[in-house]
Amino acid sequence: LSASTALYAQRSIKMQDYTTDLIRNFSIIAHIDHGKSTLADRLL
């Protein structure tokens, strides 16, 4: 589904459509080698 419909980098993103209730700002905190970078890869 992502390969056919979610090529965000190739389409115009209308930032005004994303109001604060549609935004989530988060980070990942972990000790070294607990899989933080790997989890970020899977989320992307």
Full PDB file with SEQRES, HELIX, SHEET, SSBOND, CRYST1, ORIGX, SCALE, CONECT and MASTER records, all heavy atoms in Angstrom:
SEQRES   1 A   44  LEU SER ALA SER THR ALA LEU TYR ALA GLN ARG SER ILE          
SEQRES   2 A   44  LYS MET GLN ASP TYR THR THR ASP LEU ILE ARG ASN PHE          
SEQRES   3 A   44  SER ILE ILE ALA HIS ILE ASP HIS GLY LYS SER THR LEU          
SEQRES   4 A   44  ALA ASP ARG LEU LEU                                          
HELIX    1 AA1 SER A    2  THR A    5  1                                   4    
HELIX    2 AA2 TYR A    8  GLN A   10  5                                   3    
HELIX    3 AA3 MET A   15  ASP A   17  5                                   3    
HELIX    4 AA4 THR A   20  LEU A   22  5                                   3    
HELIX    5 AA5 LYS A   36  LEU A   43  1                                   8    
CRYST1    1.000    1.000    1.000  90.00  90.00  90.00 P 1           1          
ORIGX1      1.000000  0.000000  0.000000        0.00000                         
ORIGX2      0.000000  1.000000  0.000000        0.00000                         
ORIGX3      0.000000  0.000000  1.000000        0.00000                         
SCALE1      1.000000  0.000000  0.000000        0.00000                         
SCALE2      0.000000  1.000000  0.000000        0.00000                         
SCALE3      0.000000  0.000000  1.000000        0.00000                         
ATOM      1  N   LEU A   1       0.828  -1.205   0.000  1.00  0.00           N  
ATOM      2  CA  LEU A   1       0.000   0.000   0.000  1.00  0.00           C  
ATOM      3  C   LEU A   1       0.864   1.257   0.000  1.00  0.00           C  
ATOM      4  O   LEU A   1       0.598   2.207  -0.731  1.00  0.00           O  
ATOM      5  CB  LEU A   1      -0.912  -0.010   1.233  1.00  0.00           C  
ATOM      6  CG  LEU A   1      -1.816   1.223   1.424  1.00  0.00           C  
ATOM      7  CD1 LEU A   1      -2.811   1.315   0.271  1.00  0.00           C  
ATOM      8  CD2 LEU A   1      -2.545   1.150   2.756  1.00  0.00           C  
ATOM      9  N   SER A   2       1.940   1.221   0.803  1.00  0.00           N  
ATOM     10  CA  SER A   2       2.813   2.388   0.896  1.00  0.00           C  
ATOM     11  C   SER A   2       3.505   2.661  -0.426  1.00  0.00           C  
ATOM     12  O   SER A   2       3.677   3.804  -0.829  1.00  0.00           O  
ATOM     13  CB  SER A   2       3.860   2.164   1.985  1.00  0.00           C  
ATOM     14  OG  SER A   2       3.242   2.012   3.228  1.00  0.00           O  
ATOM     15  N   ALA A   3       3.923   1.604  -1.126  1.00  0.00           N  
ATOM     16  CA  ALA A   3       4.652   1.782  -2.370  1.00  0.00           C  
ATOM     17  C   ALA A   3       3.815   2.470  -3.434  1.00  0.00           C  
ATOM     18  O   ALA A   3       4.326   3.170  -4.298  1.00  0.00           O  
ATOM     19  CB  ALA A   3       5.120   0.415  -2.890  1.00  0.00           C  
ATOM     20  N   SER A   4       2.476   2.297  -3.394  1.00  0.00           N  
ATOM     21  CA  SER A   4       1.617   2.855  -4.434  1.00  0.00           C  
ATOM     22  C   SER A   4       0.964   4.174  -4.056  1.00  0.00           C  
ATOM     23  O   SER A   4       0.601   4.959  -4.918  1.00  0.00           O  
ATOM     24  CB  SER A   4       0.512   1.838  -4.777  1.00  0.00           C  
ATOM     25  OG  SER A   4      -0.245   1.553  -3.625  1.00  0.00           O  
ATOM     26  N   THR A   5       0.804   4.420  -2.749  1.00  0.00           N  
ATOM     27  CA  THR A   5       0.021   5.596  -2.359  1.00  0.00           C  
ATOM     28  C   THR A   5       0.754   6.580  -1.468  1.00  0.00           C  
ATOM     29  O   THR A   5       0.267   7.671  -1.238  1.00  0.00           O  
ATOM     30  CB  THR A   5      -1.250   5.142  -1.606  1.00  0.00           C  
ATOM     31  OG1 THR A   5      -0.863   4.471  -0.406  1.00  0.00           O  
ATOM     32  CG2 THR A   5      -2.098   4.232  -2.460  1.00  0.00           C  
ATOM     33  N   ALA A   6       1.946   6.194  -0.909  1.00  0.00           N  
ATOM     34  CA  ALA A   6       2.562   7.048   0.110  1.00  0.00           C  
ATOM     35  C   ALA A   6       3.944   7.539  -0.279  1.00  0.00           C  
ATOM     36  O   ALA A   6       4.839   7.575   0.528  1.00  0.00           O  
ATOM     37  CB  ALA A   6       2.632   6.273   1.435  1.00  0.00           C  
ATOM     38  N   LEU A   7       4.126   7.901  -1.517  1.00  0.00           N  
ATOM     39  CA  LEU A   7       5.403   8.460  -1.948  1.00  0.00           C  
ATOM     40  C   LEU A   7       5.411   9.942  -1.613  1.00  0.00           C  
ATOM     41  O   LEU A   7       5.293  10.811  -2.466  1.00  0.00           O  
ATOM     42  CB  LEU A   7       5.602   8.221  -3.459  1.00  0.00           C  
ATOM     43  CG  LEU A   7       5.678   6.747  -3.882  1.00  0.00           C  
ATOM     44  CD1 LEU A   7       5.784   6.645  -5.389  1.00  0.00           C  
ATOM     45  CD2 LEU A   7       6.864   6.063  -3.230  1.00  0.00           C  
ATOM     46  N   TYR A   8       5.584  10.227  -0.321  1.00  0.00           N  
ATOM     47  CA  TYR A   8       5.429  11.593   0.149  1.00  0.00           C  
ATOM     48  C   TYR A   8       6.454  12.534  -0.447  1.00  0.00           C  
ATOM     49  O   TYR A   8       6.178  13.694  -0.701  1.00  0.00           O  
ATOM     50  CB  TYR A   8       5.546  11.615   1.678  1.00  0.00           C  
ATOM     51  CG  TYR A   8       4.544  10.735   2.362  1.00  0.00           C  
ATOM     52  CD1 TYR A   8       4.933   9.781   3.275  1.00  0.00           C  
ATOM     53  CD2 TYR A   8       3.187  10.862   2.052  1.00  0.00           C  
ATOM     54  CE1 TYR A   8       4.005   8.965   3.889  1.00  0.00           C  
ATOM     55  CE2 TYR A   8       2.253  10.055   2.680  1.00  0.00           C  
ATOM     56  CZ  TYR A   8       2.665   9.112   3.593  1.00  0.00           C  
ATOM     57  OH  TYR A   8       1.761   8.305   4.207  1.00  0.00           O  
ATOM     58  N   ALA A   9       7.657  12.011  -0.623  1.00  0.00           N  
ATOM     59  CA  ALA A   9       8.708  12.888  -1.117  1.00  0.00           C  
ATOM     60  C   ALA A   9       8.455  13.325  -2.550  1.00  0.00           C  
ATOM     61  O   ALA A   9       9.046  14.290  -3.011  1.00  0.00           O  
ATOM     62  CB  ALA A   9      10.064  12.184  -1.008  1.00  0.00           C  
ATOM     63  N   GLN A  10       7.574  12.612  -3.292  1.00  0.00           N  
ATOM     64  CA  GLN A  10       7.341  12.920  -4.693  1.00  0.00           C  
ATOM     65  C   GLN A  10       6.031  13.675  -4.907  1.00  0.00           C  
ATOM     66  O   GLN A  10       5.657  13.946  -6.027  1.00  0.00           O  
ATOM     67  CB  GLN A  10       7.336  11.614  -5.499  1.00  0.00           C  
ATOM     68  CG  GLN A  10       8.667  10.862  -5.424  1.00  0.00           C  
ATOM     69  CD  GLN A  10       8.619   9.564  -6.197  1.00  0.00           C  
ATOM     70  OE1 GLN A  10       7.649   9.278  -6.902  1.00  0.00           O  
ATOM     71  NE2 GLN A  10       9.683   8.776  -6.076  1.00  0.00           N  
ATOM     72  N   ARG A  11       5.319  14.021  -3.856  1.00  0.00           N  
ATOM     73  CA  ARG A  11       4.100  14.782  -4.026  1.00  0.00           C  
ATOM     74  C   ARG A  11       4.125  15.987  -3.111  1.00  0.00           C  
ATOM     75  O   ARG A  11       4.889  16.040  -2.155  1.00  0.00           O  
ATOM     76  CB  ARG A  11       2.862  13.921  -3.736  1.00  0.00           C  
ATOM     77  CG  ARG A  11       2.703  13.488  -2.275  1.00  0.00           C  
ATOM     78  CD  ARG A  11       1.409  12.722  -2.115  1.00  0.00           C  
ATOM     79  NE  ARG A  11       1.249  12.156  -0.792  1.00  0.00           N  
ATOM     80  CZ  ARG A  11       0.713  12.784   0.233  1.00  0.00           C  
ATOM     81  NH1 ARG A  11       0.315  14.032   0.096  1.00  0.00           N  
ATOM     82  NH2 ARG A  11       0.587  12.176   1.396  1.00  0.00           N  
ATOM     83  N   SER A  12       3.313  16.962  -3.414  1.00  0.00           N  
ATOM     84  CA  SER A  12       3.279  18.180  -2.620  1.00  0.00           C  
ATOM     85  C   SER A  12       2.577  17.912  -1.294  1.00  0.00           C  
ATOM     86  O   SER A  12       1.492  17.329  -1.247  1.00  0.00           O  
ATOM     87  CB  SER A  12       2.547  19.280  -3.397  1.00  0.00           C  
ATOM     88  OG  SER A  12       2.412  20.433  -2.626  1.00  0.00           O  
ATOM     89  N   ILE A  13       3.211  18.333  -0.213  1.00  0.00           N  
ATOM     90  CA  ILE A  13       2.643  18.153   1.124  1.00  0.00           C  
ATOM     91  C   ILE A  13       2.058  19.481   1.570  1.00  0.00           C  
ATOM     92  O   ILE A  13       2.774  20.476   1.683  1.00  0.00           O  
ATOM     93  CB  ILE A  13       3.718  17.671   2.112  1.00  0.00           C  
ATOM     94  CG1 ILE A  13       4.335  16.355   1.628  1.00  0.00           C  
ATOM     95  CG2 ILE A  13       3.127  17.497   3.506  1.00  0.00           C  
ATOM     96  CD1 ILE A  13       5.451  15.844   2.505  1.00  0.00           C  
ATOM     97  N   LYS A  14       0.762  19.507   1.807  1.00  0.00           N  
ATOM     98  CA  LYS A  14       0.078  20.717   2.248  1.00  0.00           C  
ATOM     99  C   LYS A  14       0.105  20.768   3.771  1.00  0.00           C  
ATOM    100  O   LYS A  14      -0.697  20.130   4.451  1.00  0.00           O  
ATOM    101  CB  LYS A  14      -1.355  20.733   1.727  1.00  0.00           C  
ATOM    102  CG  LYS A  14      -1.451  20.759   0.196  1.00  0.00           C  
ATOM    103  CD  LYS A  14      -2.901  20.776  -0.264  1.00  0.00           C  
ATOM    104  CE  LYS A  14      -2.988  20.807  -1.794  1.00  0.00           C  
ATOM    105  NZ  LYS A  14      -4.397  20.817  -2.258  1.00  0.00           N  
ATOM    106  N   MET A  15       1.039  21.530   4.304  1.00  0.00           N  
ATOM    107  CA  MET A  15       1.242  21.562   5.746  1.00  0.00           C  
ATOM    108  C   MET A  15       0.057  22.184   6.484  1.00  0.00           C  
ATOM    109  O   MET A  15      -0.170  21.884   7.662  1.00  0.00           O  
ATOM    110  CB  MET A  15       2.526  22.327   6.071  1.00  0.00           C  
ATOM    111  CG  MET A  15       3.782  21.728   5.451  1.00  0.00           C  
ATOM    112  SD  MET A  15       4.049  20.007   5.918  1.00  0.00           S  
ATOM    113  CE  MET A  15       4.396  20.179   7.654  1.00  0.00           C  
ATOM    114  N   GLN A  16      -0.717  23.027   5.786  1.00  0.00           N  
ATOM    115  CA  GLN A  16      -1.859  23.661   6.458  1.00  0.00           C  
ATOM    116  C   GLN A  16      -2.956  22.650   6.793  1.00  0.00           C  
ATOM    117  O   GLN A  16      -3.838  22.931   7.620  1.00  0.00           O  
ATOM    118  CB  GLN A  16      -2.434  24.790   5.590  1.00  0.00           C  
ATOM    119  CG  GLN A  16      -2.995  24.348   4.252  1.00  0.00           C  
ATOM    120  CD  GLN A  16      -1.949  24.392   3.151  1.00  0.00           C  
ATOM    121  OE1 GLN A  16      -0.750  24.358   3.447  1.00  0.00           O  
ATOM    122  NE2 GLN A  16      -2.389  24.500   1.906  1.00  0.00           N  
ATOM    123  N   ASP A  17      -2.907  21.465   6.165  1.00  0.00           N  
ATOM    124  CA  ASP A  17      -3.912  20.434   6.450  1.00  0.00           C  
ATOM    125  C   ASP A  17      -3.667  19.747   7.794  1.00  0.00           C  
ATOM    126  O   ASP A  17      -4.566  19.079   8.319  1.00  0.00           O  
ATOM    127  CB  ASP A  17      -3.921  19.381   5.338  1.00  0.00           C  
ATOM    128  CG  ASP A  17      -4.415  19.955   4.011  1.00  0.00           C  
ATOM    129  OD1 ASP A  17      -5.060  21.028   4.036  1.00  0.00           O  
ATOM    130  OD2 ASP A  17      -4.141  19.339   2.969  1.00  0.00           O  
ATOM    131  N   TYR A  18      -2.465  19.886   8.326  1.00  0.00           N  
ATOM    132  CA  TYR A  18      -2.112  19.171   9.552  1.00  0.00           C  
ATOM    133  C   TYR A  18      -2.179  20.139  10.733  1.00  0.00           C  
ATOM    134  O   TYR A  18      -1.200  20.788  11.103  1.00  0.00           O  
ATOM    135  CB  TYR A  18      -0.724  18.539   9.413  1.00  0.00           C  
ATOM    136  CG  TYR A  18      -0.650  17.551   8.280  1.00  0.00           C  
ATOM    137  CD1 TYR A  18      -0.134  17.926   7.042  1.00  0.00           C  
ATOM    138  CD2 TYR A  18      -1.152  16.257   8.430  1.00  0.00           C  
ATOM    139  CE1 TYR A  18      -0.092  17.031   5.991  1.00  0.00           C  
ATOM    140  CE2 TYR A  18      -1.115  15.363   7.373  1.00  0.00           C  
ATOM    141  CZ  TYR A  18      -0.589  15.754   6.157  1.00  0.00           C  
ATOM    142  OH  TYR A  18      -0.560  14.867   5.113  1.00  0.00           O  
ATOM    143  N   THR A  19      -3.368  20.217  11.294  1.00  0.00           N  
ATOM    144  CA  THR A  19      -3.575  21.052  12.476  1.00  0.00           C  
ATOM    145  C   THR A  19      -2.967  20.366  13.695  1.00  0.00           C  
ATOM    146  O   THR A  19      -2.570  19.192  13.634  1.00  0.00           O  
ATOM    147  CB  THR A  19      -5.070  21.303  12.685  1.00  0.00           C  
ATOM    148  OG1 THR A  19      -5.758  20.031  12.718  1.00  0.00           O  
ATOM    149  CG2 THR A  19      -5.640  22.139  11.537  1.00  0.00           C  
ATOM    150  N   THR A  20      -2.919  21.070  14.803  1.00  0.00           N  
ATOM    151  CA  THR A  20      -2.220  20.539  15.973  1.00  0.00           C  
ATOM    152  C   THR A  20      -2.796  19.212  16.461  1.00  0.00           C  
ATOM    153  O   THR A  20      -2.057  18.371  16.986  1.00  0.00           O  
ATOM    154  CB  THR A  20      -2.264  21.564  17.125  1.00  0.00           C  
ATOM    155  OG1 THR A  20      -3.627  21.943  17.374  1.00  0.00           O  
ATOM    156  CG2 THR A  20      -1.449  22.793  16.781  1.00  0.00           C  
ATOM    157  N   ASP A  21      -4.119  18.990  16.284  1.00  0.00           N  
ATOM    158  CA  ASP A  21      -4.703  17.729  16.745  1.00  0.00           C  
ATOM    159  C   ASP A  21      -4.275  16.542  15.898  1.00  0.00           C  
ATOM    160  O   ASP A  21      -4.493  15.392  16.286  1.00  0.00           O  
ATOM    161  CB  ASP A  21      -6.233  17.832  16.775  1.00  0.00           C  
ATOM    162  CG  ASP A  21      -6.810  18.117  15.391  1.00  0.00           C  
ATOM    163  OD1 ASP A  21      -6.265  19.002  14.697  1.00  0.00           O  
ATOM    164  OD2 ASP A  21      -7.793  17.454  15.009  1.00  0.00           O  
ATOM    165  N   LEU A  22      -3.655  16.804  14.737  1.00  0.00           N  
ATOM    166  CA  LEU A  22      -3.174  15.736  13.857  1.00  0.00           C  
ATOM    167  C   LEU A  22      -1.661  15.586  13.918  1.00  0.00           C  
ATOM    168  O   LEU A  22      -1.076  14.879  13.094  1.00  0.00           O  
ATOM    169  CB  LEU A  22      -3.601  16.011  12.412  1.00  0.00           C  
ATOM    170  CG  LEU A  22      -5.109  16.040  12.136  1.00  0.00           C  
ATOM    171  CD1 LEU A  22      -5.369  16.413  10.685  1.00  0.00           C  
ATOM    172  CD2 LEU A  22      -5.745  14.688  12.455  1.00  0.00           C  
ATOM    173  N   ILE A  23      -1.023  16.225  14.875  1.00  0.00           N  
ATOM    174  CA  ILE A  23       0.442  16.209  14.970  1.00  0.00           C  
ATOM    175  C   ILE A  23       0.866  15.507  16.254  1.00  0.00           C  
ATOM    176  O   ILE A  23       0.280  15.714  17.315  1.00  0.00           O  
ATOM    177  CB  ILE A  23       1.014  17.643  14.938  1.00  0.00           C  
ATOM    178  CG1 ILE A  23       0.626  18.349  13.639  1.00  0.00           C  
ATOM    179  CG2 ILE A  23       2.538  17.626  15.081  1.00  0.00           C  
ATOM    180  CD1 ILE A  23       1.017  19.811  13.608  1.00  0.00           C  
ATOM    181  N   ARG A  24       1.890  14.676  16.136  1.00  0.00           N  
ATOM    182  CA  ARG A  24       2.501  14.039  17.302  1.00  0.00           C  
ATOM    183  C   ARG A  24       4.018  14.203  17.197  1.00  0.00           C  
ATOM    184  O   ARG A  24       4.626  13.759  16.218  1.00  0.00           O  
ATOM    185  CB  ARG A  24       2.148  12.540  17.378  1.00  0.00           C  
ATOM    186  CG  ARG A  24       0.659  12.238  17.468  1.00  0.00           C  
ATOM    187  CD  ARG A  24       0.062  12.688  18.783  1.00  0.00           C  
ATOM    188  NE  ARG A  24      -1.332  12.297  18.898  1.00  0.00           N  
ATOM    189  CZ  ARG A  24      -2.355  13.054  18.481  1.00  0.00           C  
ATOM    190  NH1 ARG A  24      -2.119  14.247  17.949  1.00  0.00           N  
ATOM    191  NH2 ARG A  24      -3.598  12.627  18.611  1.00  0.00           N  
ATOM    192  N   ASN A  25       4.595  14.851  18.177  1.00  0.00           N  
ATOM    193  CA  ASN A  25       6.051  15.019  18.231  1.00  0.00           C  
ATOM    194  C   ASN A  25       6.606  14.104  19.314  1.00  0.00           C  
ATOM    195  O   ASN A  25       6.250  14.235  20.487  1.00  0.00           O  
ATOM    196  CB  ASN A  25       6.417  16.477  18.542  1.00  0.00           C  
ATOM    197  CG  ASN A  25       5.907  17.438  17.478  1.00  0.00           C  
ATOM    198  OD1 ASN A  25       5.941  17.139  16.291  1.00  0.00           O  
ATOM    199  ND2 ASN A  25       5.443  18.610  17.897  1.00  0.00           N  
ATOM    200  N   PHE A  26       7.490  13.187  18.935  1.00  0.00           N  
ATOM    201  CA  PHE A  26       7.992  12.203  19.890  1.00  0.00           C  
ATOM    202  C   PHE A  26       9.453  11.867  19.607  1.00  0.00           C  
ATOM    203  O   PHE A  26       9.978  12.147  18.522  1.00  0.00           O  
ATOM    204  CB  PHE A  26       7.148  10.924  19.851  1.00  0.00           C  
ATOM    205  CG  PHE A  26       7.332  10.113  18.595  1.00  0.00           C  
ATOM    206  CD1 PHE A  26       8.164   8.995  18.582  1.00  0.00           C  
ATOM    207  CD2 PHE A  26       6.687  10.458  17.415  1.00  0.00           C  
ATOM    208  CE1 PHE A  26       8.338   8.246  17.425  1.00  0.00           C  
ATOM    209  CE2 PHE A  26       6.848   9.705  16.258  1.00  0.00           C  
ATOM    210  CZ  PHE A  26       7.675   8.594  16.263  1.00  0.00           C  
ATOM    211  N   SER A  27      10.091  11.273  20.590  1.00  0.00           N  
ATOM    212  CA  SER A  27      11.470  10.802  20.449  1.00  0.00           C  
ATOM    213  C   SER A  27      11.545   9.373  20.965  1.00  0.00           C  
ATOM    214  O   SER A  27      10.581   8.837  21.516  1.00  0.00           O  
ATOM    215  CB  SER A  27      12.431  11.707  21.233  1.00  0.00           C  
ATOM    216  OG  SER A  27      12.107  11.680  22.609  1.00  0.00           O  
ATOM    217  N   ILE A  28      12.709   8.765  20.781  1.00  0.00           N  
ATOM    218  CA  ILE A  28      12.965   7.415  21.293  1.00  0.00           C  
ATOM    219  C   ILE A  28      14.179   7.507  22.206  1.00  0.00           C  
ATOM    220  O   ILE A  28      15.252   7.937  21.779  1.00  0.00           O  
ATOM    221  CB  ILE A  28      13.235   6.405  20.158  1.00  0.00           C  
ATOM    222  CG1 ILE A  28      12.101   6.419  19.132  1.00  0.00           C  
ATOM    223  CG2 ILE A  28      13.415   5.003  20.727  1.00  0.00           C  
ATOM    224  CD1 ILE A  28      12.368   5.547  17.913  1.00  0.00           C  
ATOM    225  N   ILE A  29      14.019   7.121  23.468  1.00  0.00           N  
ATOM    226  CA  ILE A  29      15.145   7.129  24.401  1.00  0.00           C  
ATOM    227  C   ILE A  29      15.473   5.692  24.774  1.00  0.00           C  
ATOM    228  O   ILE A  29      14.592   4.877  25.023  1.00  0.00           O  
ATOM    229  CB  ILE A  29      14.839   7.969  25.661  1.00  0.00           C  
ATOM    230  CG1 ILE A  29      13.552   7.500  26.345  1.00  0.00           C  
ATOM    231  CG2 ILE A  29      14.739   9.442  25.320  1.00  0.00           C  
ATOM    232  CD1 ILE A  29      13.236   8.248  27.635  1.00  0.00           C  
ATOM    233  N   ALA A  30      16.754   5.389  24.773  1.00  0.00           N  
ATOM    234  CA  ALA A  30      17.190   4.021  25.054  1.00  0.00           C  
ATOM    235  C   ALA A  30      18.668   4.015  25.375  1.00  0.00           C  
ATOM    236  O   ALA A  30      19.404   4.954  25.052  1.00  0.00           O  
ATOM    237  CB  ALA A  30      16.917   3.109  23.847  1.00  0.00           C  
ATOM    238  N   HIS A  31      19.112   2.951  26.025  1.00  0.00           N  
ATOM    239  CA  HIS A  31      20.530   2.735  26.246  1.00  0.00           C  
ATOM    240  C   HIS A  31      21.161   2.269  24.928  1.00  0.00           C  
ATOM    241  O   HIS A  31      20.460   1.900  23.982  1.00  0.00           O  
ATOM    242  CB  HIS A  31      20.727   1.679  27.341  1.00  0.00           C  
ATOM    243  CG  HIS A  31      22.127   1.588  27.868  1.00  0.00           C  
ATOM    244  ND1 HIS A  31      22.637   2.492  28.757  1.00  0.00           N  
ATOM    245  CD2 HIS A  31      23.125   0.706  27.604  1.00  0.00           C  
ATOM    246  CE1 HIS A  31      23.887   2.166  29.041  1.00  0.00           C  
ATOM    247  NE2 HIS A  31      24.208   1.085  28.348  1.00  0.00           N  
ATOM    248  N   ILE A  32      22.494   2.304  24.871  1.00  0.00           N  
ATOM    249  CA  ILE A  32      23.199   1.873  23.659  1.00  0.00           C  
ATOM    250  C   ILE A  32      22.848   0.431  23.331  1.00  0.00           C  
ATOM    251  O   ILE A  32      22.771  -0.438  24.201  1.00  0.00           O  
ATOM    252  CB  ILE A  32      24.725   2.010  23.859  1.00  0.00           C  
ATOM    253  CG1 ILE A  32      25.105   3.482  24.030  1.00  0.00           C  
ATOM    254  CG2 ILE A  32      25.491   1.434  22.685  1.00  0.00           C  
ATOM    255  CD1 ILE A  32      26.565   3.689  24.350  1.00  0.00           C  
ATOM    256  N   ASP A  33      22.609   0.184  22.032  1.00  0.00           N  
ATOM    257  CA  ASP A  33      22.393  -1.165  21.501  1.00  0.00           C  
ATOM    258  C   ASP A  33      21.102  -1.809  21.992  1.00  0.00           C  
ATOM    259  O   ASP A  33      20.987  -3.028  22.051  1.00  0.00           O  
ATOM    260  CB  ASP A  33      23.586  -2.079  21.841  1.00  0.00           C  
ATOM    261  CG  ASP A  33      23.659  -3.297  20.915  1.00  0.00           C  
ATOM    262  OD1 ASP A  33      23.273  -3.157  19.743  1.00  0.00           O  
ATOM    263  OD2 ASP A  33      24.084  -4.381  21.366  1.00  0.00           O  
ATOM    264  N   HIS A  34      20.106  -1.012  22.333  1.00  0.00           N  
ATOM    265  CA  HIS A  34      18.798  -1.559  22.685  1.00  0.00           C  
ATOM    266  C   HIS A  34      17.830  -1.544  21.498  1.00  0.00           C  
ATOM    267  O   HIS A  34      16.664  -1.885  21.661  1.00  0.00           O  
ATOM    268  CB  HIS A  34      18.197  -0.811  23.872  1.00  0.00           C  
ATOM    269  CG  HIS A  34      18.733  -1.275  25.189  1.00  0.00           C  
ATOM    270  ND1 HIS A  34      18.024  -1.195  26.364  1.00  0.00           N  
ATOM    271  CD2 HIS A  34      19.920  -1.852  25.516  1.00  0.00           C  
ATOM    272  CE1 HIS A  34      18.749  -1.697  27.366  1.00  0.00           C  
ATOM    273  NE2 HIS A  34      19.901  -2.080  26.870  1.00  0.00           N  
ATOM    274  N   GLY A  35      18.319  -1.111  20.326  1.00  0.00           N  
ATOM    275  CA  GLY A  35      17.509  -1.220  19.115  1.00  0.00           C  
ATOM    276  C   GLY A  35      16.792   0.051  18.709  1.00  0.00           C  
ATOM    277  O   GLY A  35      15.813  -0.009  17.956  1.00  0.00           O  
ATOM    278  N   LYS A  36      17.274   1.212  19.165  1.00  0.00           N  
ATOM    279  CA  LYS A  36      16.595   2.473  18.872  1.00  0.00           C  
ATOM    280  C   LYS A  36      16.622   2.800  17.379  1.00  0.00           C  
ATOM    281  O   LYS A  36      15.596   3.153  16.791  1.00  0.00           O  
ATOM    282  CB  LYS A  36      17.254   3.595  19.677  1.00  0.00           C  
ATOM    283  CG  LYS A  36      16.687   4.972  19.414  1.00  0.00           C  
ATOM    284  CD  LYS A  36      17.328   5.995  20.318  1.00  0.00           C  
ATOM    285  CE  LYS A  36      18.827   5.967  20.171  1.00  0.00           C  
ATOM    286  NZ  LYS A  36      19.257   6.235  18.780  1.00  0.00           N  
ATOM    287  N   SER A  37      17.789   2.698  16.739  1.00  0.00           N  
ATOM    288  CA  SER A  37      17.902   3.000  15.310  1.00  0.00           C  
ATOM    289  C   SER A  37      17.117   1.995  14.471  1.00  0.00           C  
ATOM    290  O   SER A  37      16.534   2.350  13.447  1.00  0.00           O  
ATOM    291  CB  SER A  37      19.376   3.009  14.886  1.00  0.00           C  
ATOM    292  OG  SER A  37      20.083   4.040  15.547  1.00  0.00           O  
ATOM    293  N   THR A  38      17.090   0.741  14.908  1.00  0.00           N  
ATOM    294  CA  THR A  38      16.327  -0.282  14.179  1.00  0.00           C  
ATOM    295  C   THR A  38      14.836  -0.002  14.260  1.00  0.00           C  
ATOM    296  O   THR A  38      14.110  -0.147  13.263  1.00  0.00           O  
ATOM    297  CB  THR A  38      16.638  -1.680  14.750  1.00  0.00           C  
ATOM    298  OG1 THR A  38      18.048  -1.892  14.738  1.00  0.00           O  
ATOM    299  CG2 THR A  38      15.957  -2.761  13.925  1.00  0.00           C  
ATOM    300  N   LEU A  39      14.348   0.401  15.430  1.00  0.00           N  
ATOM    301  CA  LEU A  39      12.933   0.746  15.564  1.00  0.00           C  
ATOM    302  C   LEU A  39      12.593   1.951  14.689  1.00  0.00           C  
ATOM    303  O   LEU A  39      11.523   1.980  14.054  1.00  0.00           O  
ATOM    304  CB  LEU A  39      12.604   1.041  17.028  1.00  0.00           C  
ATOM    305  CG  LEU A  39      11.173   1.513  17.309  1.00  0.00           C  
ATOM    306  CD1 LEU A  39      10.150   0.481  16.833  1.00  0.00           C  
ATOM    307  CD2 LEU A  39      10.976   1.811  18.801  1.00  0.00           C  
ATOM    308  N   ALA A  40      13.480   2.937  14.635  1.00  0.00           N  
ATOM    309  CA  ALA A  40      13.243   4.095  13.773  1.00  0.00           C  
ATOM    310  C   ALA A  40      13.132   3.667  12.311  1.00  0.00           C  
ATOM    311  O   ALA A  40      12.275   4.172  11.565  1.00  0.00           O  
ATOM    312  CB  ALA A  40      14.371   5.111  13.951  1.00  0.00           C  
ATOM    313  N   ASP A  41      13.965   2.718  11.896  1.00  0.00           N  
ATOM    314  CA  ASP A  41      13.884   2.208  10.520  1.00  0.00           C  
ATOM    315  C   ASP A  41      12.520   1.577  10.243  1.00  0.00           C  
ATOM    316  O   ASP A  41      11.916   1.803   9.184  1.00  0.00           O  
ATOM    317  CB  ASP A  41      14.983   1.169  10.279  1.00  0.00           C  
ATOM    318  CG  ASP A  41      16.383   1.776  10.293  1.00  0.00           C  
ATOM    319  OD1 ASP A  41      16.480   3.005  10.115  1.00  0.00           O  
ATOM    320  OD2 ASP A  41      17.351   1.029  10.495  1.00  0.00           O  
ATOM    321  N   ARG A  42      12.020   0.758  11.185  1.00  0.00           N  
ATOM    322  CA  ARG A  42      10.728   0.088  10.978  1.00  0.00           C  
ATOM    323  C   ARG A  42       9.586   1.103  10.935  1.00  0.00           C  
ATOM    324  O   ARG A  42       8.638   0.948  10.160  1.00  0.00           O  
ATOM    325  CB  ARG A  42      10.473  -0.921  12.097  1.00  0.00           C  
ATOM    326  CG  ARG A  42      11.479  -2.038  12.226  1.00  0.00           C  
ATOM    327  CD  ARG A  42      11.488  -3.002  11.029  1.00  0.00           C  
ATOM    328  NE  ARG A  42      12.356  -2.519   9.969  1.00  0.00           N  
ATOM    329  CZ  ARG A  42      13.688  -2.625   9.999  1.00  0.00           C  
ATOM    330  NH1 ARG A  42      14.292  -3.159  11.022  1.00  0.00           N  
ATOM    331  NH2 ARG A  42      14.405  -2.186   8.970  1.00  0.00           N  
ATOM    332  N   LEU A  43       9.654   2.127  11.777  1.00  0.00           N  
ATOM    333  CA  LEU A  43       8.602   3.154  11.762  1.00  0.00           C  
ATOM    334  C   LEU A  43       8.590   3.890  10.429  1.00  0.00           C  
ATOM    335  O   LEU A  43       7.520   4.166   9.867  1.00  0.00           O  
ATOM    336  CB  LEU A  43       8.818   4.145  12.910  1.00  0.00           C  
ATOM    337  CG  LEU A  43       8.643   3.602  14.335  1.00  0.00           C  
ATOM    338  CD1 LEU A  43       8.995   4.669  15.360  1.00  0.00           C  
ATOM    339  CD2 LEU A  43       7.216   3.104  14.567  1.00  0.00           C  
ATOM    340  N   LEU A  44       9.766   4.200   9.901  1.00  0.00           N  
ATOM    341  CA  LEU A  44       9.850   4.883   8.608  1.00  0.00           C  
ATOM    342  C   LEU A  44       9.319   3.988   7.489  1.00  0.00           C  
ATOM    343  O   LEU A  44       8.689   4.472   6.540  1.00  0.00           O  
ATOM    344  CB  LEU A  44      11.301   5.286   8.326  1.00  0.00           C  
ATOM    345  CG  LEU A  44      11.890   6.377   9.236  1.00  0.00           C  
ATOM    346  CD1 LEU A  44      13.386   6.523   8.996  1.00  0.00           C  
ATOM    347  CD2 LEU A  44      11.193   7.711   8.996  1.00  0.00           C  
TER     348      LEU A  44                                                      
MASTER        0    0    0    5    0    0    0    6  347    1    0    4          
END                                                                             
